[in-house]
Amino acid sequence: MSLNRAITATVMVPSTTGSPMISHCKERFAEVTSDVTYRGFNFFITIDEVVFTVRHYDDLPGVSTIISPKTAGQLPQASLLVDYLVSALGCRRILFSDESGDTYREVDAGRLDFTTSGSCAA
């Protein structure tokens, strides 16, 4: 696996709820495995000193995949993260990685809870 990095940009954005400040750094990636190449952007989003790693894949527009921390869906900042992904980055579908990193659970962005349809494979 190789990771190709590009120029990063940092944006400071006041959250829609008034505080805290939310910052993100955006980085281009190309991850190559033996049989497939994934391309897109990594976002490193900081809320209250918690750094979330969020991936946007080129072939899945409007989808955010939160890959770390593995307990992101259980953190109090999760609702602010979902709000930010929807309002600032235009995401329509948000997936949280489970603790193993092998499956993802979709969150209902409107209600800020996990959908009842279960998890999906990575």
PDB file of N, CA and C in Angstrom:
ATOM      1  N   MET A   1       0.842  -1.165   0.000  1.00  0.00           N
ATOM      2  CA  MET A   1       0.000   0.000   0.000  1.00  0.00           C
ATOM      3  C   MET A   1       0.894   1.237   0.000  1.00  0.00           C
ATOM      4  N   SER A   2       0.598   2.185  -0.863  1.00  0.00           N
ATOM      5  CA  SER A   2       1.327   3.444  -0.843  1.00  0.00           C
ATOM      6  C   SER A   2       0.339   4.582  -0.703  1.00  0.00           C
ATOM      7  N   LEU A   3       0.783   5.662  -0.122  1.00  0.00           N
ATOM      8  CA  LEU A   3      -0.059   6.820   0.088  1.00  0.00           C
ATOM      9  C   LEU A   3       0.610   8.013  -0.563  1.00  0.00           C
ATOM     10  N   ASN A   4      -0.070   8.625  -1.512  1.00  0.00           N
ATOM     11  CA  ASN A   4       0.462   9.766  -2.234  1.00  0.00           C
ATOM     12  C   ASN A   4      -0.141  11.031  -1.649  1.00  0.00           C
ATOM     13  N   ARG A   5       0.669  11.909  -1.093  1.00  0.00           N
ATOM     14  CA  ARG A   5       0.161  13.111  -0.437  1.00  0.00           C
ATOM     15  C   ARG A   5       0.366  14.333  -1.315  1.00  0.00           C
ATOM     16  N   ALA A   6      -0.525  15.277  -1.165  1.00  0.00           N
ATOM     17  CA  ALA A   6      -0.465  16.518  -1.931  1.00  0.00           C
ATOM     18  C   ALA A   6      -0.497  17.697  -0.967  1.00  0.00           C
ATOM     19  N   ILE A   7      -0.689  18.877  -1.494  1.00  0.00           N
ATOM     20  CA  ILE A   7      -0.716  20.102  -0.709  1.00  0.00           C
ATOM     21  C   ILE A   7      -1.860  20.052   0.297  1.00  0.00           C
ATOM     22  N   THR A   8      -1.608  20.562   1.491  1.00  0.00           N
ATOM     23  CA  THR A   8      -2.647  20.620   2.502  1.00  0.00           C
ATOM     24  C   THR A   8      -3.132  22.056   2.658  1.00  0.00           C
ATOM     25  N   ALA A   9      -4.349  22.197   3.123  1.00  0.00           N
ATOM     26  CA  ALA A   9      -4.919  23.512   3.403  1.00  0.00           C
ATOM     27  C   ALA A   9      -5.649  23.421   4.726  1.00  0.00           C
ATOM     28  N   THR A  10      -5.521  24.450   5.544  1.00  0.00           N
ATOM     29  CA  THR A  10      -6.211  24.480   6.821  1.00  0.00           C
ATOM     30  C   THR A  10      -7.245  25.583   6.802  1.00  0.00           C
ATOM     31  N   VAL A  11      -8.441  25.267   7.258  1.00  0.00           N
ATOM     32  CA  VAL A  11      -9.536  26.223   7.283  1.00  0.00           C
ATOM     33  C   VAL A  11     -10.085  26.269   8.700  1.00  0.00           C
ATOM     34  N   MET A  12     -10.218  27.458   9.266  1.00  0.00           N
ATOM     35  CA  MET A  12     -10.836  27.627  10.581  1.00  0.00           C
ATOM     36  C   MET A  12     -12.261  28.100  10.356  1.00  0.00           C
ATOM     37  N   VAL A  13     -13.212  27.366  10.898  1.00  0.00           N
ATOM     38  CA  VAL A  13     -14.620  27.672  10.685  1.00  0.00           C
ATOM     39  C   VAL A  13     -15.329  27.692  12.028  1.00  0.00           C
ATOM     40  N   PRO A  14     -16.065  28.763  12.337  1.00  0.00           N
ATOM     41  CA  PRO A  14     -16.853  28.720  13.565  1.00  0.00           C
ATOM     42  C   PRO A  14     -17.983  27.705  13.387  1.00  0.00           C
ATOM     43  N   SER A  15     -18.246  26.914  14.398  1.00  0.00           N
ATOM     44  CA  SER A  15     -19.307  25.916  14.281  1.00  0.00           C
ATOM     45  C   SER A  15     -20.654  26.616  14.208  1.00  0.00           C
ATOM     46  N   THR A  16     -21.645  25.926  13.672  1.00  0.00           N
ATOM     47  CA  THR A  16     -22.978  26.508  13.531  1.00  0.00           C
ATOM     48  C   THR A  16     -23.673  26.650  14.879  1.00  0.00           C
ATOM     49  N   THR A  17     -23.150  26.030  15.918  1.00  0.00           N
ATOM     50  CA  THR A  17     -23.759  26.123  17.241  1.00  0.00           C
ATOM     51  C   THR A  17     -23.110  27.197  18.092  1.00  0.00           C
ATOM     52  N   GLY A  18     -22.185  27.971  17.552  1.00  0.00           N
ATOM     53  CA  GLY A  18     -21.564  29.059  18.296  1.00  0.00           C
ATOM     54  C   GLY A  18     -20.166  28.761  18.775  1.00  0.00           C
ATOM     55  N   SER A  19     -19.923  27.628  19.384  1.00  0.00           N
ATOM     56  CA  SER A  19     -18.598  27.236  19.810  1.00  0.00           C
ATOM     57  C   SER A  19     -18.580  25.718  19.880  1.00  0.00           C
ATOM     58  N   PRO A  20     -17.544  25.072  19.785  1.00  0.00           N
ATOM     59  CA  PRO A  20     -16.159  25.515  19.657  1.00  0.00           C
ATOM     60  C   PRO A  20     -15.774  25.769  18.207  1.00  0.00           C
ATOM     61  N   MET A  21     -14.573  26.251  18.031  1.00  0.00           N
ATOM     62  CA  MET A  21     -14.044  26.418  16.681  1.00  0.00           C
ATOM     63  C   MET A  21     -13.739  25.038  16.108  1.00  0.00           C
ATOM     64  N   ILE A  22     -13.971  24.916  14.819  1.00  0.00           N
ATOM     65  CA  ILE A  22     -13.685  23.678  14.121  1.00  0.00           C
ATOM     66  C   ILE A  22     -12.650  23.997  13.056  1.00  0.00           C
ATOM     67  N   SER A  23     -11.592  23.207  12.999  1.00  0.00           N
ATOM     68  CA  SER A  23     -10.593  23.404  11.951  1.00  0.00           C
ATOM     69  C   SER A  23     -10.429  22.108  11.180  1.00  0.00           C
ATOM     70  N   HIS A  24     -10.060  22.259   9.912  1.00  0.00           N
ATOM     71  CA  HIS A  24      -9.755  21.046   9.162  1.00  0.00           C
ATOM     72  C   HIS A  24      -8.597  21.275   8.211  1.00  0.00           C
ATOM     73  N   CYS A  25      -7.897  20.200   7.973  1.00  0.00           N
ATOM     74  CA  CYS A  25      -6.796  20.152   7.028  1.00  0.00           C
ATOM     75  C   CYS A  25      -7.193  19.132   5.968  1.00  0.00           C
ATOM     76  N   LYS A  26      -7.038  19.488   4.718  1.00  0.00           N
ATOM     77  CA  LYS A  26      -7.450  18.632   3.606  1.00  0.00           C
ATOM     78  C   LYS A  26      -6.206  18.143   2.874  1.00  0.00           C
ATOM     79  N   GLU A  27      -6.174  16.844   2.566  1.00  0.00           N
ATOM     80  CA  GLU A  27      -4.996  16.243   1.957  1.00  0.00           C
ATOM     81  C   GLU A  27      -5.417  15.227   0.900  1.00  0.00           C
ATOM     82  N   ARG A  28      -4.861  15.337  -0.284  1.00  0.00           N
ATOM     83  CA  ARG A  28      -5.153  14.394  -1.369  1.00  0.00           C
ATOM     84  C   ARG A  28      -4.430  13.080  -1.105  1.00  0.00           C
ATOM     85  N   PHE A  29      -5.078  11.949  -1.411  1.00  0.00           N
ATOM     86  CA  PHE A  29      -4.409  10.660  -1.258  1.00  0.00           C
ATOM     87  C   PHE A  29      -4.711   9.756  -2.445  1.00  0.00           C
ATOM     88  N   ALA A  30      -3.817   8.814  -2.665  1.00  0.00           N
ATOM     89  CA  ALA A  30      -4.010   7.705  -3.601  1.00  0.00           C
ATOM     90  C   ALA A  30      -3.447   6.482  -2.902  1.00  0.00           C
ATOM     91  N   GLU A  31      -4.328   5.570  -2.533  1.00  0.00           N
ATOM     92  CA  GLU A  31      -3.936   4.359  -1.822  1.00  0.00           C
ATOM     93  C   GLU A  31      -3.990   3.194  -2.802  1.00  0.00           C
ATOM     94  N   VAL A  32      -2.839   2.561  -3.001  1.00  0.00           N
ATOM     95  CA  VAL A  32      -2.729   1.494  -3.988  1.00  0.00           C
ATOM     96  C   VAL A  32      -2.533   0.166  -3.271  1.00  0.00           C
ATOM     97  N   THR A  33      -3.424  -0.792  -3.583  1.00  0.00           N
ATOM     98  CA  THR A  33      -3.264  -2.154  -3.080  1.00  0.00           C
ATOM     99  C   THR A  33      -2.923  -3.036  -4.274  1.00  0.00           C
ATOM    100  N   SER A  34      -2.831  -4.319  -4.060  1.00  0.00           N
ATOM    101  CA  SER A  34      -2.447  -5.218  -5.145  1.00  0.00           C
ATOM    102  C   SER A  34      -3.480  -5.271  -6.273  1.00  0.00           C
ATOM    103  N   ASP A  35      -4.755  -4.991  -5.964  1.00  0.00           N
ATOM    104  CA  ASP A  35      -5.768  -5.124  -7.002  1.00  0.00           C
ATOM    105  C   ASP A  35      -6.652  -3.893  -7.228  1.00  0.00           C
ATOM    106  N   VAL A  36      -6.480  -2.837  -6.442  1.00  0.00           N
ATOM    107  CA  VAL A  36      -7.323  -1.655  -6.613  1.00  0.00           C
ATOM    108  C   VAL A  36      -6.601  -0.399  -6.120  1.00  0.00           C
ATOM    109  N   THR A  37      -6.980   0.734  -6.685  1.00  0.00           N
ATOM    110  CA  THR A  37      -6.453   2.026  -6.251  1.00  0.00           C
ATOM    111  C   THR A  37      -7.610   2.886  -5.772  1.00  0.00           C
ATOM    112  N   TYR A  38      -7.476   3.429  -4.569  1.00  0.00           N
ATOM    113  CA  TYR A  38      -8.464   4.346  -4.014  1.00  0.00           C
ATOM    114  C   TYR A  38      -7.891   5.747  -4.066  1.00  0.00           C
ATOM    115  N   ARG A  39      -8.705   6.701  -4.523  1.00  0.00           N
ATOM    116  CA  ARG A  39      -8.270   8.091  -4.573  1.00  0.00           C
ATOM    117  C   ARG A  39      -9.326   8.965  -3.920  1.00  0.00           C
ATOM    118  N   GLY A  40      -8.856  10.066  -3.347  1.00  0.00           N
ATOM    119  CA  GLY A  40      -9.785  10.999  -2.736  1.00  0.00           C
ATOM    120  C   GLY A  40      -9.068  11.977  -1.839  1.00  0.00           C
ATOM    121  N   PHE A  41      -9.771  12.427  -0.802  1.00  0.00           N
ATOM    122  CA  PHE A  41      -9.215  13.384   0.151  1.00  0.00           C
ATOM    123  C   PHE A  41      -9.377  12.868   1.568  1.00  0.00           C
ATOM    124  N   ASN A  42      -8.340  13.079   2.365  1.00  0.00           N
ATOM    125  CA  ASN A  42      -8.415  12.900   3.808  1.00  0.00           C
ATOM    126  C   ASN A  42      -8.672  14.273   4.399  1.00  0.00           C
ATOM    127  N   PHE A  43      -9.601  14.350   5.326  1.00  0.00           N
ATOM    128  CA  PHE A  43      -9.830  15.565   6.099  1.00  0.00           C
ATOM    129  C   PHE A  43      -9.463  15.246   7.536  1.00  0.00           C
ATOM    130  N   PHE A  44      -8.675  16.106   8.145  1.00  0.00           N
ATOM    131  CA  PHE A  44      -8.328  15.983   9.556  1.00  0.00           C
ATOM    132  C   PHE A  44      -9.072  17.114  10.242  1.00  0.00           C
ATOM    133  N   ILE A  45     -10.172  16.782  10.881  1.00  0.00           N
ATOM    134  CA  ILE A  45     -11.085  17.774  11.451  1.00  0.00           C
ATOM    135  C   ILE A  45     -10.916  17.775  12.964  1.00  0.00           C
ATOM    136  N   THR A  46     -10.607  18.949  13.512  1.00  0.00           N
ATOM    137  CA  THR A  46     -10.376  19.088  14.945  1.00  0.00           C
ATOM    138  C   THR A  46     -11.543  19.814  15.594  1.00  0.00           C
ATOM    139  N   ILE A  47     -12.103  19.180  16.625  1.00  0.00           N
ATOM    140  CA  ILE A  47     -13.183  19.760  17.425  1.00  0.00           C
ATOM    141  C   ILE A  47     -12.823  19.504  18.886  1.00  0.00           C
ATOM    142  N   ASP A  48     -12.708  20.564  19.681  1.00  0.00           N
ATOM    143  CA  ASP A  48     -12.356  20.394  21.106  1.00  0.00           C
ATOM    144  C   ASP A  48     -11.128  19.527  21.306  1.00  0.00           C
ATOM    145  N   GLU A  49     -10.109  19.732  20.535  1.00  0.00           N
ATOM    146  CA  GLU A  49      -8.846  19.002  20.624  1.00  0.00           C
ATOM    147  C   GLU A  49      -8.942  17.534  20.225  1.00  0.00           C
ATOM    148  N   VAL A  50     -10.085  17.086  19.728  1.00  0.00           N
ATOM    149  CA  VAL A  50     -10.226  15.726  19.195  1.00  0.00           C
ATOM    150  C   VAL A  50     -10.050  15.820  17.686  1.00  0.00           C
ATOM    151  N   VAL A  51      -9.134  15.032  17.146  1.00  0.00           N
ATOM    152  CA  VAL A  51      -8.880  15.035  15.705  1.00  0.00           C
ATOM    153  C   VAL A  51      -9.577  13.830  15.081  1.00  0.00           C
ATOM    154  N   PHE A  52     -10.484  14.112  14.153  1.00  0.00           N
ATOM    155  CA  PHE A  52     -11.185  13.076  13.412  1.00  0.00           C
ATOM    156  C   PHE A  52     -10.554  12.951  12.034  1.00  0.00           C
ATOM    157  N   THR A  53     -10.299  11.747  11.585  1.00  0.00           N
ATOM    158  CA  THR A  53      -9.834  11.514  10.224  1.00  0.00           C
ATOM    159  C   THR A  53     -11.035  11.063   9.410  1.00  0.00           C
ATOM    160  N   VAL A  54     -11.337  11.840   8.372  1.00  0.00           N
ATOM    161  CA  VAL A  54     -12.516  11.606   7.538  1.00  0.00           C
ATOM    162  C   VAL A  54     -12.056  11.465   6.097  1.00  0.00           C
ATOM    163  N   ARG A  55     -12.527  10.431   5.419  1.00  0.00           N
ATOM    164  CA  ARG A  55     -12.162  10.215   4.015  1.00  0.00           C
ATOM    165  C   ARG A  55     -13.330  10.501   3.096  1.00  0.00           C
ATOM    166  N   HIS A  56     -12.996  11.148   1.984  1.00  0.00           N
ATOM    167  CA  HIS A  56     -13.929  11.323   0.867  1.00  0.00           C
ATOM    168  C   HIS A  56     -13.279  10.641  -0.328  1.00  0.00           C
ATOM    169  N   TYR A  57     -13.924   9.600  -0.845  1.00  0.00           N
ATOM    170  CA  TYR A  57     -13.406   8.880  -2.001  1.00  0.00           C
ATOM    171  C   TYR A  57     -13.947   9.514  -3.278  1.00  0.00           C
ATOM    172  N   ASP A  58     -13.100   9.626  -4.294  1.00  0.00           N
ATOM    173  CA  ASP A  58     -13.503  10.233  -5.566  1.00  0.00           C
ATOM    174  C   ASP A  58     -14.722   9.550  -6.179  1.00  0.00           C
ATOM    175  N   ASP A  59     -14.815   8.228  -6.040  1.00  0.00           N
ATOM    176  CA  ASP A  59     -15.908   7.495  -6.673  1.00  0.00           C
ATOM    177  C   ASP A  59     -17.164   7.403  -5.807  1.00  0.00           C
ATOM    178  N   LEU A  60     -17.174   8.083  -4.644  1.00  0.00           N
ATOM    179  CA  LEU A  60     -18.356   8.116  -3.766  1.00  0.00           C
ATOM    180  C   LEU A  60     -18.676   9.563  -3.381  1.00  0.00           C
ATOM    181  N   PRO A  61     -19.116  10.383  -4.327  1.00  0.00           N
ATOM    182  CA  PRO A  61     -19.379  11.791  -4.001  1.00  0.00           C
ATOM    183  C   PRO A  61     -20.479  11.928  -2.952  1.00  0.00           C
ATOM    184  N   GLY A  62     -20.294  12.873  -2.036  1.00  0.00           N
ATOM    185  CA  GLY A  62     -21.287  13.130  -1.002  1.00  0.00           C
ATOM    186  C   GLY A  62     -21.236  12.193   0.183  1.00  0.00           C
ATOM    187  N   VAL A  63     -20.250  11.291   0.208  1.00  0.00           N
ATOM    188  CA  VAL A  63     -20.131  10.316   1.294  1.00  0.00           C
ATOM    189  C   VAL A  63     -18.880  10.630   2.114  1.00  0.00           C
ATOM    190  N   SER A  64     -19.056  10.718   3.427  1.00  0.00           N
ATOM    191  CA  SER A  64     -17.927  10.875   4.348  1.00  0.00           C
ATOM    192  C   SER A  64     -17.771   9.592   5.141  1.00  0.00           C
ATOM    193  N   THR A  65     -16.530   9.120   5.249  1.00  0.00           N
ATOM    194  CA  THR A  65     -16.224   7.929   6.034  1.00  0.00           C
ATOM    195  C   THR A  65     -15.284   8.340   7.156  1.00  0.00           C
ATOM    196  N   ILE A  66     -15.755   8.256   8.408  1.00  0.00           N
ATOM    197  CA  ILE A  66     -14.932   8.613   9.560  1.00  0.00           C
ATOM    198  C   ILE A  66     -14.129   7.369   9.931  1.00  0.00           C
ATOM    199  N   ILE A  67     -12.803   7.460   9.765  1.00  0.00           N
ATOM    200  CA  ILE A  67     -11.969   6.285   9.997  1.00  0.00           C
ATOM    201  C   ILE A  67     -11.231   6.315  11.332  1.00  0.00           C
ATOM    202  N   SER A  68     -11.122   7.489  11.956  1.00  0.00           N
ATOM    203  CA  SER A  68     -10.542   7.539  13.299  1.00  0.00           C
ATOM    204  C   SER A  68     -10.994   8.816  13.995  1.00  0.00           C
ATOM    205  N   PRO A  69     -11.037   8.797  15.321  1.00  0.00           N
ATOM    206  CA  PRO A  69     -10.753   7.653  16.163  1.00  0.00           C
ATOM    207  C   PRO A  69     -11.818   6.570  15.996  1.00  0.00           C
ATOM    208  N   LYS A  70     -11.476   5.352  16.336  1.00  0.00           N
ATOM    209  CA  LYS A  70     -12.389   4.221  16.154  1.00  0.00           C
ATOM    210  C   LYS A  70     -13.651   4.362  16.997  1.00  0.00           C
ATOM    211  N   THR A  71     -13.593   5.145  18.062  1.00  0.00           N
ATOM    212  CA  THR A  71     -14.756   5.368  18.921  1.00  0.00           C
ATOM    213  C   THR A  71     -15.470   6.682  18.595  1.00  0.00           C
ATOM    214  N   ALA A  72     -15.252   7.222  17.409  1.00  0.00           N
ATOM    215  CA  ALA A  72     -15.783   8.544  17.037  1.00  0.00           C
ATOM    216  C   ALA A  72     -17.287   8.653  17.237  1.00  0.00           C
ATOM    217  N   GLY A  73     -18.027   7.619  16.905  1.00  0.00           N
ATOM    218  CA  GLY A  73     -19.473   7.662  17.031  1.00  0.00           C
ATOM    219  C   GLY A  73     -19.966   7.742  18.462  1.00  0.00           C
ATOM    220  N   GLN A  74     -19.101   7.454  19.422  1.00  0.00           N
ATOM    221  CA  GLN A  74     -19.469   7.482  20.834  1.00  0.00           C
ATOM    222  C   GLN A  74     -19.029   8.765  21.526  1.00  0.00           C
ATOM    223  N   LEU A  75     -18.265   9.601  20.850  1.00  0.00           N
ATOM    224  CA  LEU A  75     -17.738  10.815  21.463  1.00  0.00           C
ATOM    225  C   LEU A  75     -18.780  11.929  21.471  1.00  0.00           C
ATOM    226  N   PRO A  76     -18.724  12.814  22.472  1.00  0.00           N
ATOM    227  CA  PRO A  76     -19.690  13.919  22.519  1.00  0.00           C
ATOM    228  C   PRO A  76     -19.560  14.881  21.333  1.00  0.00           C
ATOM    229  N   GLN A  77     -18.417  14.931  20.693  1.00  0.00           N
ATOM    230  CA  GLN A  77     -18.209  15.810  19.541  1.00  0.00           C
ATOM    231  C   GLN A  77     -18.784  15.236  18.249  1.00  0.00           C
ATOM    232  N   ALA A  78     -19.281  14.008  18.279  1.00  0.00           N
ATOM    233  CA  ALA A  78     -19.778  13.356  17.058  1.00  0.00           C
ATOM    234  C   ALA A  78     -20.903  14.142  16.400  1.00  0.00           C
ATOM    235  N   SER A  79     -21.815  14.695  17.191  1.00  0.00           N
ATOM    236  CA  SER A  79     -22.923  15.448  16.594  1.00  0.00           C
ATOM    237  C   SER A  79     -22.426  16.720  15.923  1.00  0.00           C
ATOM    238  N   LEU A  80     -21.436  17.386  16.510  1.00  0.00           N
ATOM    239  CA  LEU A  80     -20.843  18.562  15.866  1.00  0.00           C
ATOM    240  C   LEU A  80     -20.137  18.172  14.572  1.00  0.00           C
ATOM    241  N   LEU A  81     -19.465  17.028  14.580  1.00  0.00           N
ATOM    242  CA  LEU A  81     -18.782  16.548  13.383  1.00  0.00           C
ATOM    243  C   LEU A  81     -19.791  16.292  12.260  1.00  0.00           C
ATOM    244  N   VAL A  82     -20.873  15.598  12.575  1.00  0.00           N
ATOM    245  CA  VAL A  82     -21.894  15.302  11.563  1.00  0.00           C
ATOM    246  C   VAL A  82     -22.492  16.602  11.033  1.00  0.00           C
ATOM    247  N   ASP A  83     -22.819  17.531  11.924  1.00  0.00           N
ATOM    248  CA  ASP A  83     -23.359  18.824  11.516  1.00  0.00           C
ATOM    249  C   ASP A  83     -22.393  19.538  10.575  1.00  0.00           C
ATOM    250  N   TYR A  84     -21.111  19.509  10.899  1.00  0.00           N
ATOM    251  CA  TYR A  84     -20.092  20.161  10.075  1.00  0.00           C
ATOM    252  C   TYR A  84     -19.967  19.491   8.706  1.00  0.00           C
ATOM    253  N   LEU A  85     -19.956  18.172   8.687  1.00  0.00           N
ATOM    254  CA  LEU A  85     -19.830  17.447   7.415  1.00  0.00           C
ATOM    255  C   LEU A  85     -21.001  17.754   6.485  1.00  0.00           C
ATOM    256  N   VAL A  86     -22.190  17.863   7.049  1.00  0.00           N
ATOM    257  CA  VAL A  86     -23.376  18.151   6.240  1.00  0.00           C
ATOM    258  C   VAL A  86     -23.387  19.611   5.792  1.00  0.00           C
ATOM    259  N   SER A  87     -23.184  20.543   6.725  1.00  0.00           N
ATOM    260  CA  SER A  87     -23.339  21.959   6.402  1.00  0.00           C
ATOM    261  C   SER A  87     -22.140  22.549   5.656  1.00  0.00           C
ATOM    262  N   ALA A  88     -20.927  22.203   6.050  1.00  0.00           N
ATOM    263  CA  ALA A  88     -19.746  22.823   5.435  1.00  0.00           C
ATOM    264  C   ALA A  88     -19.204  22.046   4.240  1.00  0.00           C
ATOM    265  N   LEU A  89     -19.319  20.720   4.275  1.00  0.00           N
ATOM    266  CA  LEU A  89     -18.731  19.918   3.206  1.00  0.00           C
ATOM    267  C   LEU A  89     -19.774  19.288   2.283  1.00  0.00           C
ATOM    268  N   GLY A  90     -21.051  19.504   2.575  1.00  0.00           N
ATOM    269  CA  GLY A  90     -22.119  19.036   1.696  1.00  0.00           C
ATOM    270  C   GLY A  90     -22.321  17.533   1.652  1.00  0.00           C
ATOM    271  N   CYS A  91     -21.962  16.842   2.715  1.00  0.00           N
ATOM    272  CA  CYS A  91     -22.115  15.378   2.733  1.00  0.00           C
ATOM    273  C   CYS A  91     -23.583  14.998   2.884  1.00  0.00           C
ATOM    274  N   ARG A  92     -23.968  13.933   2.193  1.00  0.00           N
ATOM    275  CA  ARG A  92     -25.332  13.421   2.267  1.00  0.00           C
ATOM    276  C   ARG A  92     -25.390  12.075   2.986  1.00  0.00           C
ATOM    277  N   ARG A  93     -24.260  11.418   3.073  1.00  0.00           N
ATOM    278  CA  ARG A  93     -24.191  10.096   3.703  1.00  0.00           C
ATOM    279  C   ARG A  93     -22.921  10.058   4.548  1.00  0.00           C
ATOM    280  N   ILE A  94     -23.054   9.598   5.810  1.00  0.00           N
ATOM    281  CA  ILE A  94     -21.922   9.601   6.729  1.00  0.00           C
ATOM    282  C   ILE A  94     -21.786   8.227   7.355  1.00  0.00           C
ATOM    283  N   LEU A  95     -20.580   7.667   7.244  1.00  0.00           N
ATOM    284  CA  LEU A  95     -20.285   6.337   7.774  1.00  0.00           C
ATOM    285  C   LEU A  95     -19.216   6.447   8.855  1.00  0.00           C
ATOM    286  N   PHE A  96     -19.430   5.753   9.971  1.00  0.00           N
ATOM    287  CA  PHE A  96     -18.444   5.675  11.047  1.00  0.00           C
ATOM    288  C   PHE A  96     -17.822   4.294  11.031  1.00  0.00           C
ATOM    289  N   SER A  97     -16.497   4.226  11.087  1.00  0.00           N
ATOM    290  CA  SER A  97     -15.786   2.955  11.176  1.00  0.00           C
ATOM    291  C   SER A  97     -16.054   2.331  12.535  1.00  0.00           C
ATOM    292  N   ASP A  98     -16.163   0.999  12.561  1.00  0.00           N
ATOM    293  CA  ASP A  98     -16.281   0.336  13.857  1.00  0.00           C
ATOM    294  C   ASP A  98     -14.879   0.183  14.448  1.00  0.00           C
ATOM    295  N   GLU A  99     -14.805  -0.363  15.640  1.00  0.00           N
ATOM    296  CA  GLU A  99     -13.508  -0.453  16.318  1.00  0.00           C
ATOM    297  C   GLU A  99     -12.516  -1.358  15.611  1.00  0.00           C
ATOM    298  N   SER A 100     -12.996  -2.319  14.813  1.00  0.00           N
ATOM    299  CA  SER A 100     -12.085  -3.207  14.081  1.00  0.00           C
ATOM    300  C   SER A 100     -11.590  -2.559  12.794  1.00  0.00           C
ATOM    301  N   GLY A 101     -12.346  -1.583  12.285  1.00  0.00           N
ATOM    302  CA  GLY A 101     -11.986  -0.951  11.018  1.00  0.00           C
ATOM    303  C   GLY A 101     -12.448  -1.730   9.807  1.00  0.00           C
ATOM    304  N   ASP A 102     -13.167  -2.834  10.029  1.00  0.00           N
ATOM    305  CA  ASP A 102     -13.608  -3.694   8.933  1.00  0.00           C
ATOM    306  C   ASP A 102     -15.004  -3.372   8.421  1.00  0.00           C
ATOM    307  N   THR A 103     -15.845  -2.793   9.259  1.00  0.00           N
ATOM    308  CA  THR A 103     -17.197  -2.447   8.845  1.00  0.00           C
ATOM    309  C   THR A 103     -17.501  -1.004   9.231  1.00  0.00           C
ATOM    310  N   TYR A 104     -18.571  -0.479   8.652  1.00  0.00           N
ATOM    311  CA  TYR A 104     -18.955   0.912   8.868  1.00  0.00           C
ATOM    312  C   TYR A 104     -20.437   0.974   9.190  1.00  0.00           C
ATOM    313  N   ARG A 105     -20.802   1.892  10.079  1.00  0.00           N
ATOM    314  CA  ARG A 105     -22.205   2.119  10.414  1.00  0.00           C
ATOM    315  C   ARG A 105     -22.597   3.489   9.902  1.00  0.00           C
ATOM    316  N   GLU A 106     -23.734   3.535   9.229  1.00  0.00           N
ATOM    317  CA  GLU A 106     -24.220   4.795   8.691  1.00  0.00           C
ATOM    318  C   GLU A 106     -24.998   5.538   9.768  1.00  0.00           C
ATOM    319  N   VAL A 107     -24.813   6.849   9.810  1.00  0.00           N
ATOM    320  CA  VAL A 107     -25.539   7.680  10.758  1.00  0.00           C
ATOM    321  C   VAL A 107     -26.606   8.459   9.997  1.00  0.00           C
ATOM    322  N   ASP A 108     -27.778   8.590  10.601  1.00  0.00           N
ATOM    323  CA  ASP A 108     -28.841   9.415  10.047  1.00  0.00           C
ATOM    324  C   ASP A 108     -28.487  10.855  10.397  1.00  0.00           C
ATOM    325  N   ALA A 109     -28.088  11.635   9.409  1.00  0.00           N
ATOM    326  CA  ALA A 109     -27.598  12.991   9.649  1.00  0.00           C
ATOM    327  C   ALA A 109     -28.688  13.904  10.206  1.00  0.00           C
ATOM    328  N   GLY A 110     -29.934  13.643   9.883  1.00  0.00           N
ATOM    329  CA  GLY A 110     -31.016  14.468  10.385  1.00  0.00           C
ATOM    330  C   GLY A 110     -31.310  14.233  11.856  1.00  0.00           C
ATOM    331  N   ARG A 111     -31.245  12.970  12.283  1.00  0.00           N
ATOM    332  CA  ARG A 111     -31.545  12.629  13.676  1.00  0.00           C
ATOM    333  C   ARG A 111     -30.297  12.403  14.506  1.00  0.00           C
ATOM    334  N   LEU A 112     -29.141  12.357  13.860  1.00  0.00           N
ATOM    335  CA  LEU A 112     -27.857  12.118  14.516  1.00  0.00           C
ATOM    336  C   LEU A 112     -27.829  10.812  15.296  1.00  0.00           C
ATOM    337  N   ASP A 113     -28.426   9.780  14.691  1.00  0.00           N
ATOM    338  CA  ASP A 113     -28.307   8.450  15.291  1.00  0.00           C
ATOM    339  C   ASP A 113     -28.029   7.430  14.184  1.00  0.00           C
ATOM    340  N   PHE A 114     -27.571   6.264  14.599  1.00  0.00           N
ATOM    341  CA  PHE A 114     -27.230   5.244  13.617  1.00  0.00           C
ATOM    342  C   PHE A 114     -28.484   4.651  13.019  1.00  0.00           C
ATOM    343  N   THR A 115     -28.438   4.403  11.708  1.00  0.00           N
ATOM    344  CA  THR A 115     -29.596   3.834  11.025  1.00  0.00           C
ATOM    345  C   THR A 115     -29.806   2.403  11.496  1.00  0.00           C
ATOM    346  N   THR A 116     -31.018   1.924  11.341  1.00  0.00           N
ATOM    347  CA  THR A 116     -31.343   0.579  11.791  1.00  0.00           C
ATOM    348  C   THR A 116     -30.968  -0.485  10.771  1.00  0.00           C
ATOM    349  N   SER A 117     -30.491  -0.048   9.608  1.00  0.00           N
ATOM    350  CA  SER A 117     -30.160  -1.021   8.566  1.00  0.00           C
ATOM    351  C   SER A 117     -28.874  -1.781   8.857  1.00  0.00           C
ATOM    352  N   GLY A 118     -28.199  -1.462   9.952  1.00  0.00           N
ATOM    353  CA  GLY A 118     -26.997  -2.206  10.306  1.00  0.00           C
ATOM    354  C   GLY A 118     -25.747  -1.634   9.718  1.00  0.00           C
ATOM    355  N   SER A 119     -24.753  -2.474   9.558  1.00  0.00           N
ATOM    356  CA  SER A 119     -23.444  -2.019   9.095  1.00  0.00           C
ATOM    357  C   SER A 119     -23.203  -2.494   7.675  1.00  0.00           C
ATOM    358  N   CYS A 120     -22.194  -1.903   7.069  1.00  0.00           N
ATOM    359  CA  CYS A 120     -21.814  -2.324   5.727  1.00  0.00           C
ATOM    360  C   CYS A 120     -20.322  -2.622   5.727  1.00  0.00           C
ATOM    361  N   ALA A 121     -19.910  -3.471   4.810  1.00  0.00           N
ATOM    362  CA  ALA A 121     -18.501  -3.892   4.732  1.00  0.00           C
ATOM    363  C   ALA A 121     -17.637  -2.773   4.196  1.00  0.00           C
ATOM    364  N   ALA A 122     -16.387  -2.814   4.559  1.00  0.00           N
ATOM    365  CA  ALA A 122     -15.422  -1.818   4.088  1.00  0.00           C
ATOM    366  C   ALA A 122     -15.096  -2.049   2.648  1.00  0.00           C
TER     367      ALA A 122
END
